[in-house]
Amino acid sequence: MIKILAACGAGINSSHQIKTAIEEEMGNRGYKVSADAVVIKDITEEMLNKYDVFTPISKPDFGFDITIPMVEAGPILYRIPAMSQPVFDELEEIIKKLDK
């Protein structure tokens, strides 16, 4: 099971949309993923390191290094395949490399 952390400014709407879209699309592609949605300000280095992939709306500056693969997932929110497809493809490539 691949563990993914989705994050947005409020942790209420956008991150949940990203979570749902990733779980659905990666499931359709044959991957077992589980995503959590959180408020970006609540993320700590310890929390982040419990996940395999980080999918924020845009690249954050936490004051610590992000040591897991990160995919900026904001384009998923537009629900336009031409914009979201590259995000899903990048995520799939990372999942393949994780070999879980």
Protein backbone atom coordinates (compact mmCIF):
# COMPACT_ATOMS: atom_id res chain seq x y z
CA MET A 1 0.00 0.00 0.00
CA ILE A 2 1.36 3.39 -1.03
CA LYS A 3 0.70 6.13 1.52
CA ILE A 4 0.14 9.61 0.09
CA LEU A 5 -0.25 12.90 1.94
CA ALA A 6 -2.33 15.60 0.24
CA ALA A 7 -2.25 19.12 1.66
CA CYS A 8 -3.85 22.51 1.13
CA GLY A 9 -4.14 25.77 3.01
CA ALA A 10 -7.25 24.88 5.01
CA GLY A 11 -7.24 21.08 4.78
CA ILE A 12 -10.96 21.14 4.14
CA ASN A 13 -11.77 21.16 0.45
CA SER A 14 -8.90 21.12 -2.02
CA SER A 15 -6.80 18.52 -0.26
CA HIS A 16 -9.83 16.23 0.00
CA GLN A 17 -10.53 16.66 -3.71
CA ILE A 18 -6.91 15.80 -4.48
CA LYS A 19 -7.05 12.80 -2.11
CA THR A 20 -10.21 11.44 -3.74
CA ALA A 21 -8.96 12.02 -7.30
CA ILE A 22 -5.61 10.34 -6.59
CA GLU A 23 -7.16 7.31 -4.90
CA GLU A 24 -9.63 6.90 -7.77
CA GLU A 25 -7.17 7.41 -10.64
CA MET A 26 -4.36 5.34 -9.16
CA GLY A 27 -6.89 2.62 -8.28
CA ASN A 28 -8.06 2.64 -11.91
CA ARG A 29 -4.43 2.21 -12.93
CA GLY A 30 -4.10 -0.84 -10.68
CA TYR A 31 -2.25 0.63 -7.70
CA LYS A 32 -3.20 0.29 -4.06
CA VAL A 33 -2.94 3.76 -2.56
CA SER A 34 -4.26 5.40 0.56
CA ALA A 35 -4.25 9.18 0.83
CA ASP A 36 -4.74 11.49 3.79
CA ALA A 37 -5.70 15.16 3.56
CA VAL A 38 -4.31 17.75 5.98
CA VAL A 39 -3.78 21.45 6.57
CA ILE A 40 -0.35 22.33 5.23
CA LYS A 41 0.60 24.38 8.31
CA ASP A 42 0.17 21.30 10.50
CA ILE A 43 2.75 19.21 8.65
CA THR A 44 5.90 18.34 10.55
CA GLU A 45 9.00 16.57 9.33
CA GLU A 46 8.08 13.57 11.46
CA MET A 47 4.56 13.42 9.99
CA LEU A 48 5.77 13.78 6.42
CA ASN A 49 8.25 10.94 6.78
CA LYS A 50 5.42 8.50 7.53
CA TYR A 51 4.27 8.79 3.90
CA ASP A 52 5.65 7.57 0.58
CA VAL A 53 4.60 10.58 -1.53
CA PHE A 54 3.63 14.18 -0.76
CA THR A 55 1.05 15.91 -2.99
CA PRO A 56 0.55 19.55 -1.98
CA ILE A 57 -1.31 22.06 -4.10
CA SER A 58 1.98 23.90 -4.61
CA LYS A 59 5.52 23.53 -3.30
CA PRO A 60 5.70 24.64 0.34
CA ASP A 61 8.62 26.00 2.36
CA PHE A 62 8.59 24.19 5.68
CA GLY A 63 12.02 25.15 6.94
CA PHE A 64 13.09 21.50 6.63
CA ASP A 65 13.93 19.33 3.65
CA ILE A 66 11.23 17.23 2.05
CA THR A 67 12.90 13.83 1.74
CA ILE A 68 10.06 11.90 0.09
CA PRO A 69 8.95 12.31 -3.53
CA MET A 70 6.69 15.32 -4.06
CA VAL A 71 4.19 15.99 -6.84
CA GLU A 72 2.52 19.38 -7.05
CA ALA A 73 -1.11 18.33 -7.39
CA GLY A 74 -2.88 21.67 -7.84
CA PRO A 75 -3.75 21.03 -11.51
CA ILE A 76 -5.94 18.10 -10.45
CA LEU A 77 -8.41 20.63 -9.06
CA TYR A 78 -9.21 22.04 -12.49
CA ARG A 79 -10.71 18.69 -13.56
CA ILE A 80 -9.36 19.24 -17.05
CA PRO A 81 -7.66 16.06 -18.31
CA ALA A 82 -4.97 17.98 -20.19
CA MET A 83 -3.90 19.54 -16.89
CA SER A 84 -4.46 16.66 -14.48
CA GLN A 85 -3.13 13.82 -16.66
CA PRO A 86 0.53 14.91 -16.37
CA VAL A 87 0.16 15.03 -12.57
CA PHE A 88 -1.28 11.51 -12.46
CA ASP A 89 1.43 10.28 -14.86
CA GLU A 90 4.18 11.78 -12.68
CA LEU A 91 2.63 10.21 -9.60
CA GLU A 92 2.44 6.83 -11.35
CA GLU A 93 6.14 7.01 -12.28
CA ILE A 94 7.02 7.68 -8.65
CA ILE A 95 4.83 4.80 -7.47
CA LYS A 96 6.54 2.46 -9.94
CA LYS A 97 9.95 3.46 -8.58
CA LEU A 98 8.83 2.85 -4.99
CA ASP A 99 8.24 -0.79 -5.94
CA LYS A 100 5.79 -1.52 -3.12
